[in-house]
Amino acid sequence: MSGLLEAIIWIGGIGLLLGLAIGVANIFLEVKAHPIVQKVYDELPHFNCGACGTPGCMANAEEIVFKNQPLSSCKPGDQQMRNTIKKILDDYKAGKLDIKE
């Protein structure tokens, strides 16, 4: 019975160490989205349907910001969403947004 208990302690300890290592790595290796991409993403409908030709809404937001993908590429989005995103992009280009990159 002590062999079983020893195995449980070893596996639990290894799991605890790996969990801590992942937690620390998550803090130091986090990849943050560009602030404008995040603002555009927040306005998208978050369906991740792929109708725009990208694998999800975050990828579509990156295409809209960096590759000038048309706002009409988001099929589930409505005109109000497009107008809001256009205003965000126009404000960013005009320097009206306080964005820390």
C-alpha atoms as a PDB file:
ATOM      1  CA  MET A   1       0.000   0.000   0.000  1.00  0.00           C
ATOM      2  CA  SER A   2       2.904   2.402   0.632  1.00  0.00           C
ATOM      3  CA  GLY A   3       3.974   2.032  -3.032  1.00  0.00           C
ATOM      4  CA  LEU A   4       0.573   3.319  -4.141  1.00  0.00           C
ATOM      5  CA  LEU A   5       0.747   6.243  -1.733  1.00  0.00           C
ATOM      6  CA  GLU A   6       4.275   7.066  -2.874  1.00  0.00           C
ATOM      7  CA  ALA A   7       3.168   7.047  -6.537  1.00  0.00           C
ATOM      8  CA  ILE A   8       0.241   9.350  -5.743  1.00  0.00           C
ATOM      9  CA  ILE A   9       2.546  11.777  -3.931  1.00  0.00           C
ATOM     10  CA  TRP A  10       5.080  11.754  -6.791  1.00  0.00           C
ATOM     11  CA  ILE A  11       2.458  12.303  -9.490  1.00  0.00           C
ATOM     12  CA  GLY A  12       0.765  15.004  -7.413  1.00  0.00           C
ATOM     13  CA  GLY A  13       4.082  16.771  -6.846  1.00  0.00           C
ATOM     14  CA  ILE A  14       4.988  16.616 -10.526  1.00  0.00           C
ATOM     15  CA  GLY A  15       1.537  17.944 -11.446  1.00  0.00           C
ATOM     16  CA  LEU A  16       1.913  20.780  -8.954  1.00  0.00           C
ATOM     17  CA  LEU A  17       5.352  21.758 -10.305  1.00  0.00           C
ATOM     18  CA  LEU A  18       4.170  21.645 -13.914  1.00  0.00           C
ATOM     19  CA  GLY A  19       1.094  23.685 -13.039  1.00  0.00           C
ATOM     20  CA  LEU A  20       3.250  26.337 -11.380  1.00  0.00           C
ATOM     21  CA  ALA A  21       5.628  26.363 -14.362  1.00  0.00           C
ATOM     22  CA  ILE A  22       2.710  26.905 -16.753  1.00  0.00           C
ATOM     23  CA  GLY A  23       1.358  29.689 -14.552  1.00  0.00           C
ATOM     24  CA  VAL A  24       4.698  31.490 -14.481  1.00  0.00           C
ATOM     25  CA  ALA A  25       5.191  31.006 -18.235  1.00  0.00           C
ATOM     26  CA  ASN A  26       1.726  32.443 -18.854  1.00  0.00           C
ATOM     27  CA  ILE A  27       2.692  35.618 -16.992  1.00  0.00           C
ATOM     28  CA  PHE A  28       6.004  36.165 -18.767  1.00  0.00           C
ATOM     29  CA  LEU A  29       5.210  34.821 -22.244  1.00  0.00           C
ATOM     30  CA  GLU A  30       1.756  36.318 -22.737  1.00  0.00           C
ATOM     31  CA  VAL A  31       1.130  37.610 -26.250  1.00  0.00           C
ATOM     32  CA  LYS A  32      -1.026  40.713 -26.204  1.00  0.00           C
ATOM     33  CA  ALA A  33      -3.019  41.904 -29.173  1.00  0.00           C
ATOM     34  CA  HIS A  34      -2.411  45.335 -30.627  1.00  0.00           C
ATOM     35  CA  PRO A  35      -4.804  47.757 -28.868  1.00  0.00           C
ATOM     36  CA  ILE A  36      -6.554  48.768 -32.106  1.00  0.00           C
ATOM     37  CA  VAL A  37      -6.984  45.131 -33.102  1.00  0.00           C
ATOM     38  CA  GLN A  38      -8.522  44.489 -29.676  1.00  0.00           C
ATOM     39  CA  LYS A  39     -10.924  47.439 -30.084  1.00  0.00           C
ATOM     40  CA  VAL A  40     -12.004  46.198 -33.528  1.00  0.00           C
ATOM     41  CA  TYR A  41     -12.346  42.647 -32.192  1.00  0.00           C
ATOM     42  CA  ASP A  42     -14.560  43.878 -29.354  1.00  0.00           C
ATOM     43  CA  GLU A  43     -16.978  45.315 -31.935  1.00  0.00           C
ATOM     44  CA  LEU A  44     -17.180  42.151 -34.059  1.00  0.00           C
ATOM     45  CA  PRO A  45     -20.022  39.699 -33.335  1.00  0.00           C
ATOM     46  CA  HIS A  46     -17.688  36.901 -32.059  1.00  0.00           C
ATOM     47  CA  PHE A  47     -19.404  34.170 -34.075  1.00  0.00           C
ATOM     48  CA  ASN A  48     -16.046  32.843 -35.378  1.00  0.00           C
ATOM     49  CA  CYS A  49     -18.020  31.589 -38.380  1.00  0.00           C
ATOM     50  CA  GLY A  50     -15.220  31.989 -40.940  1.00  0.00           C
ATOM     51  CA  ALA A  51     -17.552  33.659 -43.470  1.00  0.00           C
ATOM     52  CA  CYS A  52     -15.018  36.503 -43.754  1.00  0.00           C
ATOM     53  CA  GLY A  53     -12.335  34.118 -44.996  1.00  0.00           C
ATOM     54  CA  THR A  54     -10.327  34.090 -41.775  1.00  0.00           C
ATOM     55  CA  PRO A  55     -10.322  31.436 -39.026  1.00  0.00           C
ATOM     56  CA  GLY A  56     -12.062  33.659 -36.484  1.00  0.00           C
ATOM     57  CA  CYS A  57     -12.997  37.143 -35.382  1.00  0.00           C
ATOM     58  CA  MET A  58      -9.548  37.963 -33.945  1.00  0.00           C
ATOM     59  CA  ALA A  59      -7.906  37.051 -37.251  1.00  0.00           C
ATOM     60  CA  ASN A  60     -10.519  39.129 -39.092  1.00  0.00           C
ATOM     61  CA  ALA A  61      -9.799  42.098 -36.800  1.00  0.00           C
ATOM     62  CA  GLU A  62      -6.077  41.790 -37.616  1.00  0.00           C
ATOM     63  CA  GLU A  63      -6.867  41.673 -41.340  1.00  0.00           C
ATOM     64  CA  ILE A  64      -9.106  44.742 -41.055  1.00  0.00           C
ATOM     65  CA  VAL A  65      -6.467  46.748 -39.180  1.00  0.00           C
ATOM     66  CA  PHE A  66      -3.263  45.649 -40.913  1.00  0.00           C
ATOM     67  CA  LYS A  67      -4.336  44.515 -44.390  1.00  0.00           C
ATOM     68  CA  ASN A  68      -7.314  46.809 -45.062  1.00  0.00           C
ATOM     69  CA  GLN A  69      -9.812  43.981 -45.372  1.00  0.00           C
ATOM     70  CA  PRO A  70     -13.225  45.524 -46.125  1.00  0.00           C
ATOM     71  CA  LEU A  71     -15.597  45.833 -43.188  1.00  0.00           C
ATOM     72  CA  SER A  72     -18.268  44.138 -45.274  1.00  0.00           C
ATOM     73  CA  SER A  73     -16.247  40.911 -45.004  1.00  0.00           C
ATOM     74  CA  CYS A  74     -17.988  40.224 -41.675  1.00  0.00           C
ATOM     75  CA  LYS A  75     -21.261  38.731 -42.932  1.00  0.00           C
ATOM     76  CA  PRO A  76     -23.086  38.513 -39.554  1.00  0.00           C
ATOM     77  CA  GLY A  77     -22.143  42.103 -38.696  1.00  0.00           C
ATOM     78  CA  ASP A  78     -24.620  44.921 -39.207  1.00  0.00           C
ATOM     79  CA  GLN A  79     -24.168  48.465 -40.497  1.00  0.00           C
ATOM     80  CA  GLN A  80     -23.930  49.902 -36.979  1.00  0.00           C
ATOM     81  CA  MET A  81     -20.959  47.592 -36.276  1.00  0.00           C
ATOM     82  CA  ARG A  82     -19.270  48.689 -39.507  1.00  0.00           C
ATOM     83  CA  ASN A  83     -19.801  52.369 -38.686  1.00  0.00           C
ATOM     84  CA  THR A  84     -18.351  51.925 -35.196  1.00  0.00           C
ATOM     85  CA  ILE A  85     -15.272  50.112 -36.515  1.00  0.00           C
ATOM     86  CA  LYS A  86     -14.809  52.729 -39.242  1.00  0.00           C
ATOM     87  CA  LYS A  87     -14.902  55.469 -36.582  1.00  0.00           C
ATOM     88  CA  ILE A  88     -12.338  53.609 -34.448  1.00  0.00           C
ATOM     89  CA  LEU A  89      -9.994  53.247 -37.427  1.00  0.00           C
ATOM     90  CA  ASP A  90     -10.484  56.859 -38.531  1.00  0.00           C
ATOM     91  CA  ASP A  91      -9.833  58.140 -34.995  1.00  0.00           C
ATOM     92  CA  TYR A  92      -6.709  55.999 -34.746  1.00  0.00           C
ATOM     93  CA  LYS A  93      -5.347  57.252 -38.072  1.00  0.00           C
ATOM     94  CA  ALA A  94      -6.098  60.846 -37.076  1.00  0.00           C
ATOM     95  CA  GLY A  95      -4.296  60.378 -33.754  1.00  0.00           C
ATOM     96  CA  LYS A  96      -7.440  61.008 -31.684  1.00  0.00           C
ATOM     97  CA  LEU A  97      -7.206  57.766 -29.695  1.00  0.00           C
ATOM     98  CA  ASP A  98      -4.919  57.450 -26.696  1.00  0.00           C
ATOM     99  CA  ILE A  99      -3.415  54.051 -27.475  1.00  0.00           C
ATOM    100  CA  LYS A 100      -0.409  52.605 -25.702  1.00  0.00           C
ATOM    101  CA  GLU A 101       1.281  50.010 -27.890  1.00  0.00           C
END
